[in-house]
Structure formats: C-alpha cells, structure tokens
Amino acid sequence: MSTASEHAGQAALSICEALLLALNDRGLLPEHEIVGVLRDAAATHENAVGTELEMERHRAVAEMINTIIAGGNSVRRP
C-alpha cells in the first residue's frame, strides 16, 4: 500500500470514528447501534471473496474493525 493510500485510510478511519462519537454524544445513535454498524462492517470483510491477496486484505480489515469494537474506540465508555 502506498503512503498516500495509508494516509487516506488513516484519515477515513479518524473521520468515521469522530462521526460515530458525535452521533453517540448527541444521543442520535446508542452504543449498541454503533457496535452493530461496526460488526456489520467487519462481517462484510469476513465474508468477502476474491484472490488470496484480496482475502488477506479483507481479513486484515475485519481484524482491525474487531479490535476497534473490543477496545471501545468509537464509543465513549465510562
């Protein structure tokens, strides 16, 4: 992955995390819904098909999303 792609991915992740936090802070989306969105995103990558290289990338993305869920990064937890 090129440096530009890595930076774009990090920017997208930061923006999405900020949006999820804002939705939760404003009471527009409860924690369980945010976790559901993240689980759906992980499942999309876990169930993806393609070449071995594509599958490796999908697995890495799913693992990253599942780590975010486990760490509570996108929800402010007490």
PDB file of N, CA and C in Angstrom:
ATOM      1  N   MET A   1       0.852  -1.168   0.000  1.00  0.00           N
ATOM      2  CA  MET A   1       0.000   0.000   0.000  1.00  0.00           C
ATOM      3  C   MET A   1       0.896   1.229   0.000  1.00  0.00           C
ATOM      4  N   SER A   2       0.571   2.175  -0.835  1.00  0.00           N
ATOM      5  CA  SER A   2       1.381   3.379  -0.920  1.00  0.00           C
ATOM      6  C   SER A   2       1.175   4.270   0.296  1.00  0.00           C
ATOM      7  N   THR A   3       2.103   5.168   0.493  1.00  0.00           N
ATOM      8  CA  THR A   3       1.995   6.101   1.610  1.00  0.00           C
ATOM      9  C   THR A   3       0.725   6.942   1.489  1.00  0.00           C
ATOM     10  N   ALA A   4       0.400   7.377   0.273  1.00  0.00           N
ATOM     11  CA  ALA A   4      -0.820   8.170   0.076  1.00  0.00           C
ATOM     12  C   ALA A   4      -2.052   7.364   0.462  1.00  0.00           C
ATOM     13  N   SER A   5      -2.085   6.084   0.099  1.00  0.00           N
ATOM     14  CA  SER A   5      -3.218   5.233   0.458  1.00  0.00           C
ATOM     15  C   SER A   5      -3.287   5.013   1.963  1.00  0.00           C
ATOM     16  N   GLU A   6      -2.138   4.837   2.589  1.00  0.00           N
ATOM     17  CA  GLU A   6      -2.119   4.675   4.041  1.00  0.00           C
ATOM     18  C   GLU A   6      -2.655   5.919   4.730  1.00  0.00           C
ATOM     19  N   HIS A   7      -2.244   7.072   4.267  1.00  0.00           N
ATOM     20  CA  HIS A   7      -2.719   8.330   4.857  1.00  0.00           C
ATOM     21  C   HIS A   7      -4.214   8.504   4.633  1.00  0.00           C
ATOM     22  N   ALA A   8      -4.681   8.149   3.451  1.00  0.00           N
ATOM     23  CA  ALA A   8      -6.112   8.246   3.162  1.00  0.00           C
ATOM     24  C   ALA A   8      -6.908   7.310   4.066  1.00  0.00           C
ATOM     25  N   GLY A   9      -6.395   6.107   4.281  1.00  0.00           N
ATOM     26  CA  GLY A   9      -7.067   5.149   5.158  1.00  0.00           C
ATOM     27  C   GLY A   9      -7.113   5.637   6.596  1.00  0.00           C
ATOM     28  N   GLN A  10      -6.017   6.200   7.075  1.00  0.00           N
ATOM     29  CA  GLN A  10      -5.979   6.720   8.442  1.00  0.00           C
ATOM     30  C   GLN A  10      -6.922   7.907   8.591  1.00  0.00           C
ATOM     31  N   ALA A  11      -6.971   8.763   7.581  1.00  0.00           N
ATOM     32  CA  ALA A  11      -7.883   9.908   7.622  1.00  0.00           C
ATOM     33  C   ALA A  11      -9.332   9.440   7.640  1.00  0.00           C
ATOM     34  N   ALA A  12      -9.662   8.469   6.802  1.00  0.00           N
ATOM     35  CA  ALA A  12     -11.027   7.939   6.755  1.00  0.00           C
ATOM     36  C   ALA A  12     -11.417   7.316   8.083  1.00  0.00           C
ATOM     37  N   LEU A  13     -10.512   6.557   8.688  1.00  0.00           N
ATOM     38  CA  LEU A  13     -10.787   5.941   9.976  1.00  0.00           C
ATOM     39  C   LEU A  13     -11.028   6.998  11.049  1.00  0.00           C
ATOM     40  N   SER A  14     -10.203   8.030  11.070  1.00  0.00           N
ATOM     41  CA  SER A  14     -10.367   9.101  12.055  1.00  0.00           C
ATOM     42  C   SER A  14     -11.682   9.843  11.878  1.00  0.00           C
ATOM     43  N   ILE A  15     -12.043  10.118  10.640  1.00  0.00           N
ATOM     44  CA  ILE A  15     -13.298  10.813  10.357  1.00  0.00           C
ATOM     45  C   ILE A  15     -14.482   9.962  10.783  1.00  0.00           C
ATOM     46  N   CYS A  16     -14.465   8.676  10.444  1.00  0.00           N
ATOM     47  CA  CYS A  16     -15.574   7.788  10.816  1.00  0.00           C
ATOM     48  C   CYS A  16     -15.679   7.654  12.329  1.00  0.00           C
ATOM     49  N   GLU A  17     -14.555   7.532  12.994  1.00  0.00           N
ATOM     50  CA  GLU A  17     -14.578   7.422  14.447  1.00  0.00           C
ATOM     51  C   GLU A  17     -15.167   8.689  15.065  1.00  0.00           C
ATOM     52  N   ALA A  18     -14.766   9.851  14.556  1.00  0.00           N
ATOM     53  CA  ALA A  18     -15.298  11.117  15.066  1.00  0.00           C
ATOM     54  C   ALA A  18     -16.807  11.214  14.826  1.00  0.00           C
ATOM     55  N   LEU A  19     -17.257  10.756  13.674  1.00  0.00           N
ATOM     56  CA  LEU A  19     -18.692  10.776  13.382  1.00  0.00           C
ATOM     57  C   LEU A  19     -19.466   9.851  14.312  1.00  0.00           C
ATOM     58  N   LEU A  20     -18.949   8.657  14.557  1.00  0.00           N
ATOM     59  CA  LEU A  20     -19.628   7.731  15.463  1.00  0.00           C
ATOM     60  C   LEU A  20     -19.688   8.296  16.877  1.00  0.00           C
ATOM     61  N   LEU A  21     -18.594   8.902  17.320  1.00  0.00           N
ATOM     62  CA  LEU A  21     -18.584   9.526  18.650  1.00  0.00           C
ATOM     63  C   LEU A  21     -19.592  10.665  18.726  1.00  0.00           C
ATOM     64  N   ALA A  22     -19.652  11.486  17.699  1.00  0.00           N
ATOM     65  CA  ALA A  22     -20.592  12.613  17.680  1.00  0.00           C
ATOM     66  C   ALA A  22     -22.033  12.120  17.686  1.00  0.00           C
ATOM     67  N   LEU A  23     -22.327  11.083  16.908  1.00  0.00           N
ATOM     68  CA  LEU A  23     -23.682  10.524  16.879  1.00  0.00           C
ATOM     69  C   LEU A  23     -24.082  10.001  18.253  1.00  0.00           C
ATOM     70  N   ASN A  24     -23.138   9.362  18.930  1.00  0.00           N
ATOM     71  CA  ASN A  24     -23.411   8.840  20.270  1.00  0.00           C
ATOM     72  C   ASN A  24     -23.537   9.984  21.283  1.00  0.00           C
ATOM     73  N   ASP A  25     -22.626  10.942  21.232  1.00  0.00           N
ATOM     74  CA  ASP A  25     -22.658  12.076  22.166  1.00  0.00           C
ATOM     75  C   ASP A  25     -23.959  12.866  22.062  1.00  0.00           C
ATOM     76  N   ARG A  26     -24.496  12.977  20.850  1.00  0.00           N
ATOM     77  CA  ARG A  26     -25.730  13.742  20.632  1.00  0.00           C
ATOM     78  C   ARG A  26     -26.986  12.907  20.894  1.00  0.00           C
ATOM     79  N   GLY A  27     -26.787  11.646  21.239  1.00  0.00           N
ATOM     80  CA  GLY A  27     -27.922  10.784  21.521  1.00  0.00           C
ATOM     81  C   GLY A  27     -28.662  10.324  20.278  1.00  0.00           C
ATOM     82  N   LEU A  28     -28.032  10.443  19.122  1.00  0.00           N
ATOM     83  CA  LEU A  28     -28.675  10.055  17.874  1.00  0.00           C
ATOM     84  C   LEU A  28     -28.514   8.571  17.564  1.00  0.00           C
ATOM     85  N   LEU A  29     -27.468   7.973  18.109  1.00  0.00           N
ATOM     86  CA  LEU A  29     -27.208   6.560  17.875  1.00  0.00           C
ATOM     87  C   LEU A  29     -26.649   5.971  19.165  1.00  0.00           C
ATOM     88  N   PRO A  30     -27.386   5.034  19.779  1.00  0.00           N
ATOM     89  CA  PRO A  30     -26.900   4.446  21.034  1.00  0.00           C
ATOM     90  C   PRO A  30     -25.711   3.517  20.778  1.00  0.00           C
ATOM     91  N   GLU A  31     -25.011   3.216  21.858  1.00  0.00           N
ATOM     92  CA  GLU A  31     -23.806   2.393  21.762  1.00  0.00           C
ATOM     93  C   GLU A  31     -24.056   1.076  21.043  1.00  0.00           C
ATOM     94  N   HIS A  32     -25.149   0.392  21.360  1.00  0.00           N
ATOM     95  CA  HIS A  32     -25.374  -0.910  20.729  1.00  0.00           C
ATOM     96  C   HIS A  32     -25.565  -0.787  19.216  1.00  0.00           C
ATOM     97  N   GLU A  33     -26.108   0.329  18.762  1.00  0.00           N
ATOM     98  CA  GLU A  33     -26.270   0.544  17.317  1.00  0.00           C
ATOM     99  C   GLU A  33     -24.916   0.801  16.653  1.00  0.00           C
ATOM    100  N   ILE A  34     -24.061   1.552  17.327  1.00  0.00           N
ATOM    101  CA  ILE A  34     -22.732   1.825  16.790  1.00  0.00           C
ATOM    102  C   ILE A  34     -21.943   0.532  16.693  1.00  0.00           C
ATOM    103  N   VAL A  35     -22.002  -0.266  17.730  1.00  0.00           N
ATOM    104  CA  VAL A  35     -21.311  -1.564  17.708  1.00  0.00           C
ATOM    105  C   VAL A  35     -21.895  -2.429  16.596  1.00  0.00           C
ATOM    106  N   GLY A  36     -23.198  -2.354  16.393  1.00  0.00           N
ATOM    107  CA  GLY A  36     -23.833  -3.103  15.301  1.00  0.00           C
ATOM    108  C   GLY A  36     -23.320  -2.676  13.935  1.00  0.00           C
ATOM    109  N   VAL A  37     -23.157  -1.383  13.736  1.00  0.00           N
ATOM    110  CA  VAL A  37     -22.607  -0.870  12.474  1.00  0.00           C
ATOM    111  C   VAL A  37     -21.199  -1.427  12.257  1.00  0.00           C
ATOM    112  N   LEU A  38     -20.398  -1.386  13.312  1.00  0.00           N
ATOM    113  CA  LEU A  38     -19.029  -1.897  13.208  1.00  0.00           C
ATOM    114  C   LEU A  38     -19.017  -3.406  12.945  1.00  0.00           C
ATOM    115  N   ARG A  39     -19.899  -4.137  13.615  1.00  0.00           N
ATOM    116  CA  ARG A  39     -19.969  -5.598  13.390  1.00  0.00           C
ATOM    117  C   ARG A  39     -20.398  -5.910  11.956  1.00  0.00           C
ATOM    118  N   ASP A  40     -21.343  -5.135  11.437  1.00  0.00           N
ATOM    119  CA  ASP A  40     -21.762  -5.327  10.043  1.00  0.00           C
ATOM    120  C   ASP A  40     -20.596  -5.086   9.088  1.00  0.00           C
ATOM    121  N   ALA A  41     -19.818  -4.041   9.368  1.00  0.00           N
ATOM    122  CA  ALA A  41     -18.669  -3.738   8.514  1.00  0.00           C
ATOM    123  C   ALA A  41     -17.651  -4.865   8.572  1.00  0.00           C
ATOM    124  N   ALA A  42     -17.380  -5.375   9.777  1.00  0.00           N
ATOM    125  CA  ALA A  42     -16.434  -6.487   9.923  1.00  0.00           C
ATOM    126  C   ALA A  42     -16.944  -7.718   9.183  1.00  0.00           C
ATOM    127  N   ALA A  43     -18.232  -8.019   9.320  1.00  0.00           N
ATOM    128  CA  ALA A  43     -18.809  -9.199   8.669  1.00  0.00           C
ATOM    129  C   ALA A  43     -18.708  -9.103   7.149  1.00  0.00           C
ATOM    130  N   THR A  44     -18.869  -7.906   6.620  1.00  0.00           N
ATOM    131  CA  THR A  44     -18.741  -7.717   5.168  1.00  0.00           C
ATOM    132  C   THR A  44     -17.359  -8.167   4.708  1.00  0.00           C
ATOM    133  N   HIS A  45     -16.342  -7.804   5.460  1.00  0.00           N
ATOM    134  CA  HIS A  45     -14.980  -8.185   5.086  1.00  0.00           C
ATOM    135  C   HIS A  45     -14.690  -9.648   5.400  1.00  0.00           C
ATOM    136  N   GLU A  46     -15.270 -10.164   6.466  1.00  0.00           N
ATOM    137  CA  GLU A  46     -15.068 -11.574   6.816  1.00  0.00           C
ATOM    138  C   GLU A  46     -15.691 -12.497   5.770  1.00  0.00           C
ATOM    139  N   ASN A  47     -16.754 -12.039   5.123  1.00  0.00           N
ATOM    140  CA  ASN A  47     -17.468 -12.860   4.147  1.00  0.00           C
ATOM    141  C   ASN A  47     -17.118 -12.542   2.701  1.00  0.00           C
ATOM    142  N   ALA A  48     -16.151 -11.664   2.504  1.00  0.00           N
ATOM    143  CA  ALA A  48     -15.763 -11.275   1.150  1.00  0.00           C
ATOM    144  C   ALA A  48     -15.066 -12.423   0.441  1.00  0.00           C
ATOM    145  N   VAL A  49     -15.129 -12.388  -0.869  1.00  0.00           N
ATOM    146  CA  VAL A  49     -14.443 -13.391  -1.685  1.00  0.00           C
ATOM    147  C   VAL A  49     -13.489 -12.679  -2.637  1.00  0.00           C
ATOM    148  N   GLY A  50     -12.538 -13.414  -3.147  1.00  0.00           N
ATOM    149  CA  GLY A  50     -11.587 -12.839  -4.078  1.00  0.00           C
ATOM    150  C   GLY A  50     -10.325 -13.666  -4.132  1.00  0.00           C
ATOM    151  N   THR A  51      -9.288 -13.051  -4.665  1.00  0.00           N
ATOM    152  CA  THR A  51      -7.993 -13.726  -4.737  1.00  0.00           C
ATOM    153  C   THR A  51      -7.434 -13.861  -3.325  1.00  0.00           C
ATOM    154  N   GLU A  52      -6.375 -14.639  -3.199  1.00  0.00           N
ATOM    155  CA  GLU A  52      -5.763 -14.811  -1.873  1.00  0.00           C
ATOM    156  C   GLU A  52      -5.274 -13.479  -1.327  1.00  0.00           C
ATOM    157  N   LEU A  53      -4.710 -12.631  -2.167  1.00  0.00           N
ATOM    158  CA  LEU A  53      -4.245 -11.310  -1.727  1.00  0.00           C
ATOM    159  C   LEU A  53      -5.424 -10.451  -1.270  1.00  0.00           C
ATOM    160  N   GLU A  54      -6.510 -10.470  -2.024  1.00  0.00           N
ATOM    161  CA  GLU A  54      -7.708  -9.712  -1.635  1.00  0.00           C
ATOM    162  C   GLU A  54      -8.272 -10.237  -0.315  1.00  0.00           C
ATOM    163  N   MET A  55      -8.304 -11.557  -0.173  1.00  0.00           N
ATOM    164  CA  MET A  55      -8.823 -12.158   1.058  1.00  0.00           C
ATOM    165  C   MET A  55      -7.946 -11.781   2.256  1.00  0.00           C
ATOM    166  N   GLU A  56      -6.640 -11.744   2.049  1.00  0.00           N
ATOM    167  CA  GLU A  56      -5.720 -11.351   3.117  1.00  0.00           C
ATOM    168  C   GLU A  56      -6.015  -9.918   3.559  1.00  0.00           C
ATOM    169  N   ARG A  57      -6.263  -9.043   2.607  1.00  0.00           N
ATOM    170  CA  ARG A  57      -6.586  -7.645   2.929  1.00  0.00           C
ATOM    171  C   ARG A  57      -7.918  -7.548   3.664  1.00  0.00           C
ATOM    172  N   HIS A  58      -8.911  -8.300   3.195  1.00  0.00           N
ATOM    173  CA  HIS A  58     -10.222  -8.296   3.862  1.00  0.00           C
ATOM    174  C   HIS A  58     -10.109  -8.811   5.300  1.00  0.00           C
ATOM    175  N   ARG A  59      -9.332  -9.868   5.496  1.00  0.00           N
ATOM    176  CA  ARG A  59      -9.142 -10.398   6.850  1.00  0.00           C
ATOM    177  C   ARG A  59      -8.477  -9.363   7.749  1.00  0.00           C
ATOM    178  N   ALA A  60      -7.502  -8.643   7.206  1.00  0.00           N
ATOM    179  CA  ALA A  60      -6.810  -7.613   7.993  1.00  0.00           C
ATOM    180  C   ALA A  60      -7.763  -6.484   8.370  1.00  0.00           C
ATOM    181  N   VAL A  61      -8.628  -6.100   7.448  1.00  0.00           N
ATOM    182  CA  VAL A  61      -9.603  -5.046   7.726  1.00  0.00           C
ATOM    183  C   VAL A  61     -10.596  -5.521   8.786  1.00  0.00           C
ATOM    184  N   ALA A  62     -11.097  -6.734   8.643  1.00  0.00           N
ATOM    185  CA  ALA A  62     -12.040  -7.272   9.631  1.00  0.00           C
ATOM    186  C   ALA A  62     -11.397  -7.346  11.009  1.00  0.00           C
ATOM    187  N   GLU A  63     -10.142  -7.757  11.056  1.00  0.00           N
ATOM    188  CA  GLU A  63      -9.439  -7.834  12.328  1.00  0.00           C
ATOM    189  C   GLU A  63      -9.306  -6.442  12.961  1.00  0.00           C
ATOM    190  N   MET A  64      -9.011  -5.442  12.135  1.00  0.00           N
ATOM    191  CA  MET A  64      -8.882  -4.082  12.645  1.00  0.00           C
ATOM    192  C   MET A  64     -10.217  -3.585  13.203  1.00  0.00           C
ATOM    193  N   ILE A  65     -11.295  -3.841  12.492  1.00  0.00           N
ATOM    194  CA  ILE A  65     -12.623  -3.416  12.962  1.00  0.00           C
ATOM    195  C   ILE A  65     -12.973  -4.123  14.269  1.00  0.00           C
ATOM    196  N   ASN A  66     -12.693  -5.417  14.345  1.00  0.00           N
ATOM    197  CA  ASN A  66     -12.979  -6.161  15.573  1.00  0.00           C
ATOM    198  C   ASN A  66     -12.138  -5.669  16.744  1.00  0.00           C
ATOM    199  N   THR A  67     -10.934  -5.216  16.466  1.00  0.00           N
ATOM    200  CA  THR A  67     -10.090  -4.627  17.509  1.00  0.00           C
ATOM    201  C   THR A  67     -10.690  -3.312  17.991  1.00  0.00           C
ATOM    202  N   ILE A  68     -11.219  -2.537  17.076  1.00  0.00           N
ATOM    203  CA  ILE A  68     -11.884  -1.276  17.443  1.00  0.00           C
ATOM    204  C   ILE A  68     -13.082  -1.569  18.337  1.00  0.00           C
ATOM    205  N   ILE A  69     -13.869  -2.574  17.976  1.00  0.00           N
ATOM    206  CA  ILE A  69     -15.034  -2.948  18.786  1.00  0.00           C
ATOM    207  C   ILE A  69     -14.584  -3.351  20.190  1.00  0.00           C
ATOM    208  N   ALA A  70     -13.584  -4.202  20.257  1.00  0.00           N
ATOM    209  CA  ALA A  70     -13.105  -4.695  21.563  1.00  0.00           C
ATOM    210  C   ALA A  70     -12.534  -3.570  22.414  1.00  0.00           C
ATOM    211  N   GLY A  71     -11.893  -2.603  21.777  1.00  0.00           N
ATOM    212  CA  GLY A  71     -11.271  -1.504  22.505  1.00  0.00           C
ATOM    213  C   GLY A  71     -12.214  -0.374  22.850  1.00  0.00           C
ATOM    214  N   GLY A  72     -13.399  -0.392  22.257  1.00  0.00           N
ATOM    215  CA  GLY A  72     -14.362   0.671  22.532  1.00  0.00           C
ATOM    216  C   GLY A  72     -13.945   2.021  21.980  1.00  0.00           C
ATOM    217  N   ASN A  73     -13.121   2.051  20.953  1.00  0.00           N
ATOM    218  CA  ASN A  73     -12.601   3.307  20.434  1.00  0.00           C
ATOM    219  C   ASN A  73     -13.671   4.239  19.870  1.00  0.00           C
ATOM    220  N   SER A  74     -14.745   3.705  19.349  1.00  0.00           N
ATOM    221  CA  SER A  74     -15.750   4.551  18.704  1.00  0.00           C
ATOM    222  C   SER A  74     -16.940   4.859  19.576  1.00  0.00           C
ATOM    223  N   VAL A  75     -16.854   4.490  20.839  1.00  0.00           N
ATOM    224  CA  VAL A  75     -17.920   4.793  21.802  1.00  0.00           C
ATOM    225  C   VAL A  75     -17.242   5.252  23.096  1.00  0.00           C
ATOM    226  N   ARG A  76     -17.723   6.335  23.644  1.00  0.00           N
ATOM    227  CA  ARG A  76     -17.166   6.801  24.912  1.00  0.00           C
ATOM    228  C   ARG A  76     -17.798   5.966  26.018  1.00  0.00           C
ATOM    229  N   ARG A  77     -17.005   5.098  26.596  1.00  0.00           N
ATOM    230  CA  ARG A  77     -17.499   4.232  27.660  1.00  0.00           C
ATOM    231  C   ARG A  77     -16.993   4.736  28.998  1.00  0.00           C
ATOM    232  N   PRO A  78     -17.832   4.649  30.048  1.00  0.00           N
ATOM    233  CA  PRO A  78     -17.413   5.116  31.371  1.00  0.00           C
ATOM    234  C   PRO A  78     -16.277   4.288  31.924  1.00  0.00           C
TER     235      PRO A  78
END
